[in-house]
Amino acid sequence: KQYEIIILAIGINDLQYSYNCDLKTFEQGITELINAAKTLNPN
């Protein structure tokens, strides 16, 4: 569905110790999330 505004309030759970996520991986992951949103709802 197309939205005019997308609010992304997520990421803290990726810091759970079982994921062993370093900060570089974290940055790449959040960037990937943004790119997915922009690709599917470009406006």
All heavy atoms as atom14 arrays in JSON, in Angstrom:
{
  "sequence": "KQYEIIILAIGINDLQYSYNCDLKTFEQGITELINAAKTLNPN",
  "atom14_mask": [
    [1, 1, 1, 1, 1, 1, 1, 1, 1, 0, 0, 0, 0, 0],
    [1, 1, 1, 1, 1, 1, 1, 1, 1, 0, 0, 0, 0, 0],
    [1, 1, 1, 1, 1, 1, 1, 1, 1, 1, 1, 1, 0, 0],
    [1, 1, 1, 1, 1, 1, 1, 1, 1, 0, 0, 0, 0, 0],
    [1, 1, 1, 1, 1, 1, 1, 1, 0, 0, 0, 0, 0, 0],
    [1, 1, 1, 1, 1, 1, 1, 1, 0, 0, 0, 0, 0, 0],
    [1, 1, 1, 1, 1, 1, 1, 1, 0, 0, 0, 0, 0, 0],
    [1, 1, 1, 1, 1, 1, 1, 1, 0, 0, 0, 0, 0, 0],
    [1, 1, 1, 1, 1, 0, 0, 0, 0, 0, 0, 0, 0, 0],
    [1, 1, 1, 1, 1, 1, 1, 1, 0, 0, 0, 0, 0, 0],
    [1, 1, 1, 1, 0, 0, 0, 0, 0, 0, 0, 0, 0, 0],
    [1, 1, 1, 1, 1, 1, 1, 1, 0, 0, 0, 0, 0, 0],
    [1, 1, 1, 1, 1, 1, 1, 1, 0, 0, 0, 0, 0, 0],
    [1, 1, 1, 1, 1, 1, 1, 1, 0, 0, 0, 0, 0, 0],
    [1, 1, 1, 1, 1, 1, 1, 1, 0, 0, 0, 0, 0, 0],
    [1, 1, 1, 1, 1, 1, 1, 1, 1, 0, 0, 0, 0, 0],
    [1, 1, 1, 1, 1, 1, 1, 1, 1, 1, 1, 1, 0, 0],
    [1, 1, 1, 1, 1, 1, 0, 0, 0, 0, 0, 0, 0, 0],
    [1, 1, 1, 1, 1, 1, 1, 1, 1, 1, 1, 1, 0, 0],
    [1, 1, 1, 1, 1, 1, 1, 1, 0, 0, 0, 0, 0, 0],
    [1, 1, 1, 1, 1, 1, 0, 0, 0, 0, 0, 0, 0, 0],
    [1, 1, 1, 1, 1, 1, 1, 1, 0, 0, 0, 0, 0, 0],
    [1, 1, 1, 1, 1, 1, 1, 1, 0, 0, 0, 0, 0, 0],
    [1, 1, 1, 1, 1, 1, 1, 1, 1, 0, 0, 0, 0, 0],
    [1, 1, 1, 1, 1, 1, 1, 0, 0, 0, 0, 0, 0, 0],
    [1, 1, 1, 1, 1, 1, 1, 1, 1, 1, 1, 0, 0, 0],
    [1, 1, 1, 1, 1, 1, 1, 1, 1, 0, 0, 0, 0, 0],
    [1, 1, 1, 1, 1, 1, 1, 1, 1, 0, 0, 0, 0, 0],
    [1, 1, 1, 1, 0, 0, 0, 0, 0, 0, 0, 0, 0, 0],
    [1, 1, 1, 1, 1, 1, 1, 1, 0, 0, 0, 0, 0, 0],
    [1, 1, 1, 1, 1, 1, 1, 0, 0, 0, 0, 0, 0, 0],
    [1, 1, 1, 1, 1, 1, 1, 1, 1, 0, 0, 0, 0, 0],
    [1, 1, 1, 1, 1, 1, 1, 1, 0, 0, 0, 0, 0, 0],
    [1, 1, 1, 1, 1, 1, 1, 1, 0, 0, 0, 0, 0, 0],
    [1, 1, 1, 1, 1, 1, 1, 1, 0, 0, 0, 0, 0, 0],
    [1, 1, 1, 1, 1, 0, 0, 0, 0, 0, 0, 0, 0, 0],
    [1, 1, 1, 1, 1, 0, 0, 0, 0, 0, 0, 0, 0, 0],
    [1, 1, 1, 1, 1, 1, 1, 1, 1, 0, 0, 0, 0, 0],
    [1, 1, 1, 1, 1, 1, 1, 0, 0, 0, 0, 0, 0, 0],
    [1, 1, 1, 1, 1, 1, 1, 1, 0, 0, 0, 0, 0, 0],
    [1, 1, 1, 1, 1, 1, 1, 1, 0, 0, 0, 0, 0, 0],
    [1, 1, 1, 1, 1, 1, 1, 0, 0, 0, 0, 0, 0, 0],
    [1, 1, 1, 1, 1, 1, 1, 1, 0, 0, 0, 0, 0, 0]
  ],
  "atom14_positions": [
    [[0.86, -1.19, 0.0], [0.0, 0.0, 0.0], [0.89, 1.23, 0.0], [2.0, 1.21, 0.55], [-0.89, -0.01, 1.25], [-1.79, 1.18, 1.42], [-2.64, 1.02, 2.67], [-3.54, 2.24, 2.9], [-4.37, 2.07, 4.12], [0.0, 0.0, 0.0], [0.0, 0.0, 0.0], [0.0, 0.0, 0.0], [0.0, 0.0, 0.0], [0.0, 0.0, 0.0]],
    [[0.42, 2.3, -0.61], [1.22, 3.52, -0.68], [0.88, 4.46, 0.49], [-0.3, 4.68, 0.79], [0.98, 4.24, -2.01], [1.44, 3.46, -3.23], [2.95, 3.26, -3.26], [3.72, 4.21, -3.24], [3.38, 1.99, -3.3], [0.0, 0.0, 0.0], [0.0, 0.0, 0.0], [0.0, 0.0, 0.0], [0.0, 0.0, 0.0], [0.0, 0.0, 0.0]],
    [[1.9, 4.98, 1.12], [1.75, 5.92, 2.23], [2.45, 7.23, 1.89], [3.46, 7.25, 1.18], [2.37, 5.35, 3.51], [1.66, 4.13, 4.05], [2.04, 2.85, 3.65], [0.61, 4.26, 4.95], [1.38, 1.72, 4.13], [-0.05, 3.14, 5.44], [0.34, 1.88, 5.03], [-0.3, 0.77, 5.5], [0.0, 0.0, 0.0], [0.0, 0.0, 0.0]],
    [[1.91, 8.3, 2.43], [2.57, 9.61, 2.28], [3.72, 9.75, 3.27], [4.72, 10.41, 3.0], [1.57, 10.76, 2.47], [0.69, 11.05, 1.27], [-0.41, 10.01, 1.1], [-0.94, 9.53, 2.12], [-0.74, 9.67, -0.06], [0.0, 0.0, 0.0], [0.0, 0.0, 0.0], [0.0, 0.0, 0.0], [0.0, 0.0, 0.0], [0.0, 0.0, 0.0]],
    [[3.54, 9.15, 4.45], [4.56, 9.24, 5.51], [4.78, 7.85, 6.1], [3.82, 7.14, 6.42], [4.12, 10.22, 6.62], [3.96, 11.64, 6.06], [5.13, 10.22, 7.78], [3.33, 12.62, 7.04], [0.0, 0.0, 0.0], [0.0, 0.0, 0.0], [0.0, 0.0, 0.0], [0.0, 0.0, 0.0], [0.0, 0.0, 0.0], [0.0, 0.0, 0.0]],
    [[6.06, 7.49, 6.25], [6.43, 6.22, 6.88], [7.28, 6.54, 8.1], [8.33, 7.18, 7.98], [7.22, 5.31, 5.93], [6.37, 4.97, 4.69], [7.67, 4.04, 6.64], [7.16, 4.28, 3.6], [0.0, 0.0, 0.0], [0.0, 0.0, 0.0], [0.0, 0.0, 0.0], [0.0, 0.0, 0.0], [0.0, 0.0, 0.0], [0.0, 0.0, 0.0]],
    [[6.82, 6.11, 9.27], [7.58, 6.29, 10.5], [8.24, 4.96, 10.85], [7.56, 3.94, 11.0], [6.67, 6.74, 11.67], [5.97, 8.06, 11.32], [7.47, 6.87, 12.96], [4.92, 8.48, 12.34], [0.0, 0.0, 0.0], [0.0, 0.0, 0.0], [0.0, 0.0, 0.0], [0.0, 0.0, 0.0], [0.0, 0.0, 0.0], [0.0, 0.0, 0.0]],
    [[9.56, 4.96, 10.96], [10.32, 3.76, 11.29], [10.9, 3.92, 12.69], [11.8, 4.74, 12.91], [11.44, 3.52, 10.27], [10.99, 3.31, 8.82], [12.2, 3.18, 7.91], [10.1, 2.06, 8.71], [0.0, 0.0, 0.0], [0.0, 0.0, 0.0], [0.0, 0.0, 0.0], [0.0, 0.0, 0.0], [0.0, 0.0, 0.0], [0.0, 0.0, 0.0]],
    [[10.36, 3.16, 13.63], [10.79, 3.22, 15.03], [11.21, 1.82, 15.46], [10.48, 1.11, 16.15], [9.66, 3.74, 15.91], [0.0, 0.0, 0.0], [0.0, 0.0, 0.0], [0.0, 0.0, 0.0], [0.0, 0.0, 0.0], [0.0, 0.0, 0.0], [0.0, 0.0, 0.0], [0.0, 0.0, 0.0], [0.0, 0.0, 0.0], [0.0, 0.0, 0.0]],
    [[12.39, 1.42, 15.05], [12.8, 0.03, 15.21], [14.33, -0.07, 15.2], [15.0, 0.82, 14.71], [12.18, -0.82, 14.07], [12.26, -2.31, 14.37], [12.8, -0.47, 12.71], [11.38, -3.16, 13.47], [0.0, 0.0, 0.0], [0.0, 0.0, 0.0], [0.0, 0.0, 0.0], [0.0, 0.0, 0.0], [0.0, 0.0, 0.0], [0.0, 0.0, 0.0]],
    [[14.83, -1.16, 15.79], [16.28, -1.38, 15.77], [16.86, -1.83, 17.09], [17.91, -2.49, 17.12], [0.0, 0.0, 0.0], [0.0, 0.0, 0.0], [0.0, 0.0, 0.0], [0.0, 0.0, 0.0], [0.0, 0.0, 0.0], [0.0, 0.0, 0.0], [0.0, 0.0, 0.0], [0.0, 0.0, 0.0], [0.0, 0.0, 0.0], [0.0, 0.0, 0.0]],
    [[16.18, -1.51, 18.2], [16.77, -1.84, 19.5], [16.88, -3.35, 19.7], [17.82, -3.83, 20.34], [15.96, -1.18, 20.65], [16.82, -1.03, 21.9], [14.68, -1.9, 20.93], [17.9, 0.0, 21.81], [0.0, 0.0, 0.0], [0.0, 0.0, 0.0], [0.0, 0.0, 0.0], [0.0, 0.0, 0.0], [0.0, 0.0, 0.0], [0.0, 0.0, 0.0]],
    [[15.96, -4.11, 19.14], [16.01, -5.57, 19.33], [17.15, -6.23, 18.56], [17.55, -7.35, 18.88], [14.68, -6.21, 18.92], [13.6, -5.97, 19.97], [13.85, -6.06, 21.16], [12.4, -5.63, 19.52], [0.0, 0.0, 0.0], [0.0, 0.0, 0.0], [0.0, 0.0, 0.0], [0.0, 0.0, 0.0], [0.0, 0.0, 0.0], [0.0, 0.0, 0.0]],
    [[17.68, -5.54, 17.58], [18.85, -6.07, 16.87], [20.09, -6.07, 17.76], [21.11, -6.67, 17.4], [19.1, -5.25, 15.6], [17.96, -5.38, 14.61], [18.0, -6.29, 13.77], [17.0, -4.58, 14.7], [0.0, 0.0, 0.0], [0.0, 0.0, 0.0], [0.0, 0.0, 0.0], [0.0, 0.0, 0.0], [0.0, 0.0, 0.0], [0.0, 0.0, 0.0]],
    [[20.0, -5.39, 18.91], [21.12, -5.35, 19.86], [21.07, -6.5, 20.86], [21.93, -6.58, 21.74], [21.14, -4.01, 20.61], [21.26, -2.75, 19.75], [21.36, -1.52, 20.63], [22.45, -2.84, 18.8], [0.0, 0.0, 0.0], [0.0, 0.0, 0.0], [0.0, 0.0, 0.0], [0.0, 0.0, 0.0], [0.0, 0.0, 0.0], [0.0, 0.0, 0.0]],
    [[20.08, -7.38, 20.75], [20.06, -8.55, 21.61], [21.35, -9.36, 21.42], [21.84, -9.49, 20.29], [18.84, -9.42, 21.3], [17.53, -8.75, 21.67], [16.32, -9.59, 21.3], [16.42, -10.8, 21.13], [15.16, -8.94, 21.17], [0.0, 0.0, 0.0], [0.0, 0.0, 0.0], [0.0, 0.0, 0.0], [0.0, 0.0, 0.0], [0.0, 0.0, 0.0]],
    [[21.89, -9.87, 22.51], [23.23, -10.46, 22.43], [23.3, -11.68, 21.53], [24.36, -11.98, 20.96], [23.79, -10.76, 23.82], [23.06, -11.81, 24.62], [23.25, -13.16, 24.39], [22.21, -11.43, 25.66], [22.6, -14.12, 25.15], [21.56, -12.39, 26.42], [21.76, -13.72, 26.16], [21.11, -14.67, 26.91], [0.0, 0.0, 0.0], [0.0, 0.0, 0.0]],
    [[22.2, -12.37, 21.33], [22.24, -13.57, 20.48], [22.52, -13.23, 19.02], [23.03, -14.08, 18.27], [20.92, -14.33, 20.58], [19.84, -13.55, 20.09], [0.0, 0.0, 0.0], [0.0, 0.0, 0.0], [0.0, 0.0, 0.0], [0.0, 0.0, 0.0], [0.0, 0.0, 0.0], [0.0, 0.0, 0.0], [0.0, 0.0, 0.0], [0.0, 0.0, 0.0]],
    [[22.21, -12.0, 18.59], [22.47, -11.6, 17.2], [23.92, -11.19, 16.97], [24.38, -11.14, 15.83], [21.53, -10.46, 16.79], [20.07, -10.84, 16.81], [19.15, -10.07, 17.51], [19.62, -11.97, 16.15], [17.8, -10.42, 17.54], [18.27, -12.33, 16.18], [17.37, -11.55, 16.88], [16.05, -11.9, 16.92], [0.0, 0.0, 0.0], [0.0, 0.0, 0.0]],
    [[24.61, -10.85, 18.08], [26.04, -10.5, 18.0], [26.31, -9.47, 16.89], [27.21, -9.63, 16.07], [26.87, -11.76, 17.77], [28.35, -11.54, 18.02], [28.73, -10.67, 18.82], [29.19, -12.29, 17.35], [0.0, 0.0, 0.0], [0.0, 0.0, 0.0], [0.0, 0.0, 0.0], [0.0, 0.0, 0.0], [0.0, 0.0, 0.0], [0.0, 0.0, 0.0]],
    [[25.5, -8.44, 16.88], [25.54, -7.43, 15.8], [26.53, -6.32, 16.14], [26.37, -5.63, 17.15], [24.14, -6.87, 15.62], [24.02, -5.54, 14.43], [0.0, 0.0, 0.0], [0.0, 0.0, 0.0], [0.0, 0.0, 0.0], [0.0, 0.0, 0.0], [0.0, 0.0, 0.0], [0.0, 0.0, 0.0], [0.0, 0.0, 0.0], [0.0, 0.0, 0.0]],
    [[27.55, -6.14, 15.31], [28.45, -5.01, 15.52], [27.84, -3.75, 14.91], [26.84, -3.8, 14.19], [29.84, -5.29, 14.95], [29.85, -5.57, 13.46], [29.09, -4.91, 12.71], [30.62, -6.46, 13.02], [0.0, 0.0, 0.0], [0.0, 0.0, 0.0], [0.0, 0.0, 0.0], [0.0, 0.0, 0.0], [0.0, 0.0, 0.0], [0.0, 0.0, 0.0]],
    [[28.44, -2.61, 15.19], [27.84, -1.34, 14.8], [27.83, -1.14, 13.28], [26.94, -0.5, 12.73], [28.55, -0.17, 15.49], [28.38, -0.13, 17.02], [29.17, 1.03, 17.6], [26.91, -0.03, 17.41], [0.0, 0.0, 0.0], [0.0, 0.0, 0.0], [0.0, 0.0, 0.0], [0.0, 0.0, 0.0], [0.0, 0.0, 0.0], [0.0, 0.0, 0.0]],
    [[28.83, -1.68, 12.6], [28.86, -1.58, 11.14], [27.7, -2.37, 10.53], [27.01, -1.88, 9.62], [30.19, -2.11, 10.59], [30.3, -1.99, 9.08], [31.65, -2.47, 8.58], [31.76, -2.35, 7.06], [33.09, -2.84, 6.57], [0.0, 0.0, 0.0], [0.0, 0.0, 0.0], [0.0, 0.0, 0.0], [0.0, 0.0, 0.0], [0.0, 0.0, 0.0]],
    [[27.48, -3.57, 11.05], [26.35, -4.38, 10.58], [25.04, -3.69, 10.89], [24.1, -3.71, 10.09], [26.39, -5.77, 11.23], [27.63, -6.4, 10.91], [25.24, -6.64, 10.75], [0.0, 0.0, 0.0], [0.0, 0.0, 0.0], [0.0, 0.0, 0.0], [0.0, 0.0, 0.0], [0.0, 0.0, 0.0], [0.0, 0.0, 0.0], [0.0, 0.0, 0.0]],
    [[24.97, -3.06, 12.06], [23.77, -2.34, 12.46], [23.47, -1.22, 11.46], [22.33, -1.07, 10.99], [23.94, -1.76, 13.87], [22.7, -1.12, 14.41], [21.78, -1.87, 15.14], [22.42, 0.23, 14.2], [20.63, -1.3, 15.64], [21.27, 0.81, 14.7], [20.37, 0.05, 15.42], [0.0, 0.0, 0.0], [0.0, 0.0, 0.0], [0.0, 0.0, 0.0]],
    [[24.49, -0.44, 11.13], [24.3, 0.65, 10.17], [23.85, 0.12, 8.81], [22.94, 0.69, 8.18], [25.59, 1.45, 10.03], [25.47, 2.65, 9.1], [26.62, 3.62, 9.23], [27.53, 3.37, 10.04], [26.6, 4.65, 8.53], [0.0, 0.0, 0.0], [0.0, 0.0, 0.0], [0.0, 0.0, 0.0], [0.0, 0.0, 0.0], [0.0, 0.0, 0.0]],
    [[24.44, -0.95, 8.35], [24.06, -1.54, 7.07], [22.61, -2.03, 7.11], [21.87, -1.86, 6.14], [25.0, -2.7, 6.75], [26.42, -2.26, 6.41], [27.39, -3.44, 6.31], [27.13, -4.53, 6.82], [28.52, -3.22, 5.66], [0.0, 0.0, 0.0], [0.0, 0.0, 0.0], [0.0, 0.0, 0.0], [0.0, 0.0, 0.0], [0.0, 0.0, 0.0]],
    [[22.21, -2.61, 8.24], [20.86, -3.14, 8.36], [19.8, -2.06, 8.36], [18.76, -2.2, 7.69], [0.0, 0.0, 0.0], [0.0, 0.0, 0.0], [0.0, 0.0, 0.0], [0.0, 0.0, 0.0], [0.0, 0.0, 0.0], [0.0, 0.0, 0.0], [0.0, 0.0, 0.0], [0.0, 0.0, 0.0], [0.0, 0.0, 0.0], [0.0, 0.0, 0.0]],
    [[20.03, -0.97, 9.09], [19.07, 0.13, 9.12], [19.02, 0.81, 7.75], [17.94, 1.2, 7.27], [19.42, 1.15, 10.22], [19.39, 0.49, 11.6], [18.46, 2.34, 10.18], [18.04, -0.06, 12.02], [0.0, 0.0, 0.0], [0.0, 0.0, 0.0], [0.0, 0.0, 0.0], [0.0, 0.0, 0.0], [0.0, 0.0, 0.0], [0.0, 0.0, 0.0]],
    [[20.16, 0.93, 7.1], [20.19, 1.5, 5.74], [19.39, 0.64, 4.78], [18.64, 1.16, 3.93], [21.65, 1.64, 5.25], [22.37, 2.48, 6.15], [21.69, 2.23, 3.84], [0.0, 0.0, 0.0], [0.0, 0.0, 0.0], [0.0, 0.0, 0.0], [0.0, 0.0, 0.0], [0.0, 0.0, 0.0], [0.0, 0.0, 0.0], [0.0, 0.0, 0.0]],
    [[19.52, -0.67, 4.9], [18.76, -1.59, 4.05], [17.26, -1.42, 4.27], [16.47, -1.47, 3.32], [19.18, -3.03, 4.35], [18.53, -4.06, 3.44], [18.96, -5.48, 3.76], [19.86, -5.65, 4.61], [18.39, -6.41, 3.18], [0.0, 0.0, 0.0], [0.0, 0.0, 0.0], [0.0, 0.0, 0.0], [0.0, 0.0, 0.0], [0.0, 0.0, 0.0]],
    [[16.86, -1.22, 5.52], [15.45, -0.99, 5.84], [14.94, 0.27, 5.16], [13.86, 0.28, 4.56], [15.29, -0.9, 7.35], [13.86, -0.86, 7.89], [13.22, -2.24, 7.82], [13.84, -0.34, 9.33], [0.0, 0.0, 0.0], [0.0, 0.0, 0.0], [0.0, 0.0, 0.0], [0.0, 0.0, 0.0], [0.0, 0.0, 0.0], [0.0, 0.0, 0.0]],
    [[15.72, 1.34, 5.25], [15.35, 2.6, 4.59], [15.24, 2.41, 3.08], [14.28, 2.88, 2.45], [16.41, 3.69, 4.89], [16.39, 4.07, 6.37], [16.19, 4.92, 4.01], [15.22, 4.9, 6.79], [0.0, 0.0, 0.0], [0.0, 0.0, 0.0], [0.0, 0.0, 0.0], [0.0, 0.0, 0.0], [0.0, 0.0, 0.0], [0.0, 0.0, 0.0]],
    [[16.19, 1.71, 2.5], [16.17, 1.5, 1.05], [14.94, 0.71, 0.61], [14.36, 0.99, -0.44], [17.44, 0.78, 0.61], [18.67, 1.66, 0.67], [18.57, 2.89, 0.64], [19.84, 1.06, 0.77], [0.0, 0.0, 0.0], [0.0, 0.0, 0.0], [0.0, 0.0, 0.0], [0.0, 0.0, 0.0], [0.0, 0.0, 0.0], [0.0, 0.0, 0.0]],
    [[14.53, -0.26, 1.43], [13.33, -1.03, 1.11], [12.1, -0.13, 1.12], [11.24, -0.21, 0.23], [13.16, -2.17, 2.11], [0.0, 0.0, 0.0], [0.0, 0.0, 0.0], [0.0, 0.0, 0.0], [0.0, 0.0, 0.0], [0.0, 0.0, 0.0], [0.0, 0.0, 0.0], [0.0, 0.0, 0.0], [0.0, 0.0, 0.0], [0.0, 0.0, 0.0]],
    [[12.03, 0.75, 2.12], [10.9, 1.67, 2.2], [10.87, 2.62, 1.01], [9.81, 2.86, 0.41], [10.96, 2.45, 3.51], [0.0, 0.0, 0.0], [0.0, 0.0, 0.0], [0.0, 0.0, 0.0], [0.0, 0.0, 0.0], [0.0, 0.0, 0.0], [0.0, 0.0, 0.0], [0.0, 0.0, 0.0], [0.0, 0.0, 0.0], [0.0, 0.0, 0.0]],
    [[12.04, 3.15, 0.66], [12.11, 4.09, -0.46], [11.81, 3.43, -1.8], [11.21, 4.02, -2.68], [13.5, 4.73, -0.5], [13.76, 5.67, 0.68], [15.21, 6.09, 0.75], [15.58, 7.03, -0.37], [16.97, 7.51, -0.24], [0.0, 0.0, 0.0], [0.0, 0.0, 0.0], [0.0, 0.0, 0.0], [0.0, 0.0, 0.0], [0.0, 0.0, 0.0]],
    [[12.21, 2.17, -1.94], [11.97, 1.46, -3.2], [10.49, 1.19, -3.4], [9.95, 1.37, -4.5], [12.74, 0.13, -3.2], [14.15, 0.41, -3.12], [12.47, -0.66, -4.47], [0.0, 0.0, 0.0], [0.0, 0.0, 0.0], [0.0, 0.0, 0.0], [0.0, 0.0, 0.0], [0.0, 0.0, 0.0], [0.0, 0.0, 0.0], [0.0, 0.0, 0.0]],
    [[9.81, 0.77, -2.33], [8.41, 0.38, -2.45], [7.44, 1.56, -2.33], [6.31, 1.48, -2.82], [8.08, -0.67, -1.38], [8.82, -2.01, -1.57], [8.66, -2.88, -0.35], [8.3, -2.72, -2.81], [0.0, 0.0, 0.0], [0.0, 0.0, 0.0], [0.0, 0.0, 0.0], [0.0, 0.0, 0.0], [0.0, 0.0, 0.0], [0.0, 0.0, 0.0]],
    [[7.86, 2.6, -1.63], [7.04, 3.83, -1.51], [7.92, 5.03, -1.84], [8.31, 5.8, -0.97], [6.49, 3.96, -0.08], [5.09, 3.4, 0.08], [4.24, 3.96, 0.77], [4.85, 2.27, -0.54], [0.0, 0.0, 0.0], [0.0, 0.0, 0.0], [0.0, 0.0, 0.0], [0.0, 0.0, 0.0], [0.0, 0.0, 0.0], [0.0, 0.0, 0.0]],
    [[8.3, 5.2, -3.11], [9.3, 6.21, -3.47], [8.91, 7.65, -3.18], [9.79, 8.5, -3.05], [9.49, 5.98, -4.98], [8.26, 5.28, -5.43], [7.83, 4.43, -4.27], [0.0, 0.0, 0.0], [0.0, 0.0, 0.0], [0.0, 0.0, 0.0], [0.0, 0.0, 0.0], [0.0, 0.0, 0.0], [0.0, 0.0, 0.0], [0.0, 0.0, 0.0]],
    [[7.63, 7.92, -3.06], [7.2, 9.3, -2.83], [6.93, 9.6, -1.36], [6.56, 10.73, -1.03], [5.94, 9.58, -3.65], [6.19, 9.48, -5.15], [7.21, 9.96, -5.64], [5.29, 8.84, -5.87], [0.0, 0.0, 0.0], [0.0, 0.0, 0.0], [0.0, 0.0, 0.0], [0.0, 0.0, 0.0], [0.0, 0.0, 0.0], [0.0, 0.0, 0.0]]
  ]
}
